[in-house]
Structures are given as structure tokens and as C-alpha cells.
Amino acid sequence: MSKRTKIEIMVEILKIATHGVNKTRIVYDANLNFRVADRYIDELKKLGYLKSQSREGRKIYMTTSEGLKFLEKFNKFK
């Protein structure tokens, strides 16, 4: 099994969060631990690719339009 690159993990998180998910879903679906997921989520938010909002008292993460553009470009180069 090969080690994933930083970009591959970021892309995975953006795909998972396309329709809005909580952090637990990101952790399980991307196969990360919470500490590592926090670092990637923070970085993606700083880049403007991910946003968070409160929905029914829960924090939900969603891929932004900029994040979707990034995913499109990544898939073209892959």
C-alpha cells in the first residue's frame, strides 16, 4: 500500500465534503485521525476551498466553489 500525498488527501476531503458533512464523516471516509483531519481542514479553509457552517447546532464542512474548481483541475491532470 502506497502512502498518499498531501494533495491526494486534500482532494479526498474536498470530494467527501461536496454536499456538506461533519468532521467525523471526513475522518472515517478519508481514513484519517481527528488531529490530522483538523490540520487538513484548517489548511483547506485558509485556501478558501472549504467552509464551515452551523446546521442544527452541528458544524458542517462544505467544499466551496473555489474548491470545486480545484477538483476539476486536479481531475484533468490526473
N, C-alpha and C. Protein backbone atom coordinates (compact mmCIF):
# COMPACT_ATOMS: atom_id res chain seq x y z
N MET A 1 0.85 -1.18 0.00
CA MET A 1 0.00 0.00 0.00
C MET A 1 0.89 1.24 0.00
N SER A 2 0.66 2.14 -0.93
CA SER A 2 1.49 3.33 -1.02
C SER A 2 0.93 4.46 -0.16
N LYS A 3 1.84 5.28 0.29
CA LYS A 3 1.47 6.42 1.13
C LYS A 3 0.84 7.52 0.26
N ARG A 4 -0.25 8.09 0.74
CA ARG A 4 -0.93 9.16 -0.01
C ARG A 4 -0.16 10.47 0.14
N THR A 5 -0.20 11.26 -0.91
CA THR A 5 0.42 12.59 -0.84
C THR A 5 -0.53 13.57 -0.17
N LYS A 6 0.00 14.70 0.20
CA LYS A 6 -0.79 15.75 0.82
C LYS A 6 -1.93 16.17 -0.11
N ILE A 7 -1.62 16.33 -1.38
CA ILE A 7 -2.63 16.75 -2.36
C ILE A 7 -3.74 15.70 -2.48
N GLU A 8 -3.36 14.43 -2.50
CA GLU A 8 -4.36 13.36 -2.61
C GLU A 8 -5.31 13.38 -1.41
N ILE A 9 -4.78 13.62 -0.22
CA ILE A 9 -5.62 13.69 0.98
C ILE A 9 -6.54 14.90 0.91
N MET A 10 -6.01 16.03 0.46
CA MET A 10 -6.83 17.24 0.35
C MET A 10 -7.95 17.04 -0.66
N VAL A 11 -7.64 16.41 -1.78
CA VAL A 11 -8.65 16.14 -2.80
C VAL A 11 -9.73 15.22 -2.24
N GLU A 12 -9.32 14.20 -1.50
CA GLU A 12 -10.27 13.28 -0.90
C GLU A 12 -11.23 14.02 0.04
N ILE A 13 -10.70 14.90 0.88
CA ILE A 13 -11.54 15.67 1.80
C ILE A 13 -12.52 16.54 1.03
N LEU A 14 -12.05 17.20 -0.02
CA LEU A 14 -12.93 18.07 -0.81
C LEU A 14 -14.05 17.26 -1.47
N LYS A 15 -13.72 16.07 -1.96
CA LYS A 15 -14.75 15.22 -2.56
C LYS A 15 -15.79 14.80 -1.51
N ILE A 16 -15.32 14.43 -0.34
CA ILE A 16 -16.22 13.99 0.73
C ILE A 16 -17.16 15.13 1.15
N ALA A 17 -16.63 16.36 1.18
CA ALA A 17 -17.40 17.50 1.69
C ALA A 17 -18.22 18.21 0.63
N THR A 18 -18.33 17.65 -0.54
CA THR A 18 -19.05 18.31 -1.63
C THR A 18 -20.48 18.68 -1.26
N HIS A 19 -21.16 17.82 -0.54
CA HIS A 19 -22.56 18.08 -0.18
C HIS A 19 -22.76 18.44 1.29
N GLY A 20 -21.65 18.65 1.99
CA GLY A 20 -21.73 19.03 3.40
C GLY A 20 -21.72 17.84 4.33
N VAL A 21 -20.69 17.75 5.15
CA VAL A 21 -20.55 16.64 6.09
C VAL A 21 -19.95 17.14 7.40
N ASN A 22 -20.08 16.33 8.45
CA ASN A 22 -19.44 16.69 9.70
C ASN A 22 -18.01 16.14 9.72
N LYS A 23 -17.24 16.55 10.72
CA LYS A 23 -15.84 16.16 10.79
C LYS A 23 -15.68 14.64 10.93
N THR A 24 -16.57 14.02 11.66
CA THR A 24 -16.49 12.57 11.85
C THR A 24 -16.57 11.85 10.51
N ARG A 25 -17.46 12.30 9.63
CA ARG A 25 -17.60 11.69 8.30
C ARG A 25 -16.30 11.85 7.51
N ILE A 26 -15.68 13.03 7.59
CA ILE A 26 -14.40 13.25 6.90
C ILE A 26 -13.35 12.29 7.44
N VAL A 27 -13.26 12.18 8.76
CA VAL A 27 -12.27 11.31 9.40
C VAL A 27 -12.44 9.87 8.92
N TYR A 28 -13.65 9.35 8.97
CA TYR A 28 -13.87 7.95 8.59
C TYR A 28 -13.72 7.72 7.10
N ASP A 29 -14.31 8.57 6.28
CA ASP A 29 -14.26 8.36 4.83
C ASP A 29 -12.87 8.58 4.24
N ALA A 30 -12.10 9.50 4.81
CA ALA A 30 -10.75 9.77 4.31
C ALA A 30 -9.69 8.93 5.03
N ASN A 31 -10.13 8.13 6.00
CA ASN A 31 -9.23 7.27 6.76
C ASN A 31 -8.11 8.08 7.44
N LEU A 32 -8.52 9.08 8.22
CA LEU A 32 -7.60 9.94 8.95
C LEU A 32 -7.95 9.88 10.43
N ASN A 33 -7.07 10.41 11.28
CA ASN A 33 -7.46 10.59 12.68
C ASN A 33 -7.89 12.05 12.84
N PHE A 34 -8.50 12.38 13.96
CA PHE A 34 -9.06 13.72 14.14
C PHE A 34 -7.98 14.81 14.12
N ARG A 35 -6.83 14.54 14.71
CA ARG A 35 -5.76 15.54 14.75
C ARG A 35 -5.27 15.87 13.34
N VAL A 36 -5.05 14.84 12.55
CA VAL A 36 -4.59 15.04 11.17
C VAL A 36 -5.69 15.73 10.34
N ALA A 37 -6.91 15.29 10.53
CA ALA A 37 -8.03 15.89 9.80
C ALA A 37 -8.14 17.38 10.11
N ASP A 38 -7.95 17.75 11.37
CA ASP A 38 -8.00 19.17 11.75
C ASP A 38 -6.98 20.00 10.98
N ARG A 39 -5.77 19.46 10.84
CA ARG A 39 -4.72 20.19 10.11
C ARG A 39 -5.11 20.41 8.65
N TYR A 40 -5.63 19.36 8.01
CA TYR A 40 -6.03 19.49 6.61
C TYR A 40 -7.24 20.40 6.45
N ILE A 41 -8.20 20.29 7.34
CA ILE A 41 -9.39 21.15 7.28
C ILE A 41 -8.98 22.61 7.43
N ASP A 42 -8.11 22.91 8.39
CA ASP A 42 -7.64 24.28 8.58
C ASP A 42 -6.95 24.81 7.34
N GLU A 43 -6.10 23.99 6.74
CA GLU A 43 -5.39 24.43 5.54
C GLU A 43 -6.34 24.65 4.37
N LEU A 44 -7.29 23.75 4.19
CA LEU A 44 -8.25 23.92 3.10
C LEU A 44 -9.13 25.15 3.31
N LYS A 45 -9.46 25.46 4.56
CA LYS A 45 -10.23 26.67 4.85
C LYS A 45 -9.41 27.91 4.53
N LYS A 46 -8.14 27.91 4.89
CA LYS A 46 -7.27 29.06 4.60
C LYS A 46 -7.13 29.28 3.10
N LEU A 47 -7.13 28.21 2.33
CA LEU A 47 -7.03 28.31 0.88
C LEU A 47 -8.36 28.75 0.25
N GLY A 48 -9.44 28.70 1.02
CA GLY A 48 -10.75 29.07 0.51
C GLY A 48 -11.45 27.93 -0.21
N TYR A 49 -10.97 26.69 -0.03
CA TYR A 49 -11.54 25.54 -0.70
C TYR A 49 -12.61 24.83 0.14
N LEU A 50 -12.64 25.15 1.42
CA LEU A 50 -13.57 24.50 2.34
C LEU A 50 -14.13 25.56 3.27
N LYS A 51 -15.40 25.44 3.60
CA LYS A 51 -16.01 26.37 4.55
C LYS A 51 -16.78 25.56 5.59
N SER A 52 -17.01 26.19 6.73
CA SER A 52 -17.80 25.52 7.76
C SER A 52 -19.00 26.39 8.08
N GLN A 53 -20.06 25.74 8.47
CA GLN A 53 -21.27 26.44 8.87
C GLN A 53 -21.97 25.59 9.91
N SER A 54 -22.87 26.22 10.64
CA SER A 54 -23.61 25.50 11.66
C SER A 54 -24.96 25.09 11.08
N ARG A 55 -25.29 23.82 11.25
CA ARG A 55 -26.57 23.31 10.77
C ARG A 55 -27.16 22.47 11.90
N GLU A 56 -28.28 22.93 12.42
CA GLU A 56 -28.96 22.26 13.54
C GLU A 56 -28.01 22.04 14.72
N GLY A 57 -27.20 23.06 14.99
CA GLY A 57 -26.28 23.01 16.12
C GLY A 57 -25.03 22.20 15.89
N ARG A 58 -24.83 21.71 14.68
CA ARG A 58 -23.64 20.91 14.36
C ARG A 58 -22.80 21.63 13.32
N LYS A 59 -21.49 21.49 13.43
CA LYS A 59 -20.58 22.10 12.46
C LYS A 59 -20.51 21.21 11.23
N ILE A 60 -20.80 21.81 10.09
CA ILE A 60 -20.81 21.10 8.82
C ILE A 60 -19.75 21.73 7.91
N TYR A 61 -19.01 20.89 7.22
CA TYR A 61 -17.98 21.36 6.28
C TYR A 61 -18.45 21.12 4.86
N MET A 62 -18.25 22.15 4.02
CA MET A 62 -18.67 22.08 2.63
C MET A 62 -17.57 22.57 1.73
N THR A 63 -17.43 21.93 0.59
CA THR A 63 -16.48 22.38 -0.43
C THR A 63 -17.03 23.64 -1.07
N THR A 64 -16.21 24.66 -1.19
CA THR A 64 -16.62 25.93 -1.80
C THR A 64 -16.57 25.83 -3.33
N SER A 65 -17.05 26.85 -4.00
CA SER A 65 -16.98 26.86 -5.47
C SER A 65 -15.51 26.86 -5.92
N GLU A 66 -14.64 27.52 -5.18
CA GLU A 66 -13.20 27.50 -5.49
C GLU A 66 -12.65 26.09 -5.32
N GLY A 67 -13.11 25.40 -4.29
CA GLY A 67 -12.69 24.02 -4.06
C GLY A 67 -13.15 23.10 -5.18
N LEU A 68 -14.35 23.33 -5.69
CA LEU A 68 -14.86 22.53 -6.80
C LEU A 68 -14.05 22.78 -8.07
N LYS A 69 -13.64 24.03 -8.29
CA LYS A 69 -12.78 24.35 -9.44
C LYS A 69 -11.44 23.63 -9.32
N PHE A 70 -10.89 23.62 -8.09
CA PHE A 70 -9.64 22.93 -7.85
C PHE A 70 -9.78 21.44 -8.16
N LEU A 71 -10.89 20.82 -7.73
CA LEU A 71 -11.12 19.40 -8.00
C LEU A 71 -11.19 19.13 -9.51
N GLU A 72 -11.86 20.03 -10.24
CA GLU A 72 -11.96 19.89 -11.70
C GLU A 72 -10.59 19.89 -12.33
N LYS A 73 -9.76 20.87 -11.93
CA LYS A 73 -8.41 20.99 -12.48
C LYS A 73 -7.58 19.77 -12.10
N PHE A 74 -7.69 19.32 -10.87
CA PHE A 74 -6.93 18.15 -10.43
C PHE A 74 -7.30 16.92 -11.26
N ASN A 75 -8.60 16.73 -11.49
CA ASN A 75 -9.05 15.56 -12.26
C ASN A 75 -8.59 15.61 -13.71
N LYS A 76 -8.43 16.80 -14.27
CA LYS A 76 -7.93 16.93 -15.64
C LYS A 76 -6.47 16.50 -15.74
N PHE A 77 -5.69 16.78 -14.73
CA PHE A 77 -4.27 16.47 -14.74
C PHE A 77 -3.97 15.04 -14.31
N LYS A 78 -4.91 14.42 -13.64
CA LYS A 78 -4.70 13.08 -13.11
C LYS A 78 -4.60 12.05 -14.19
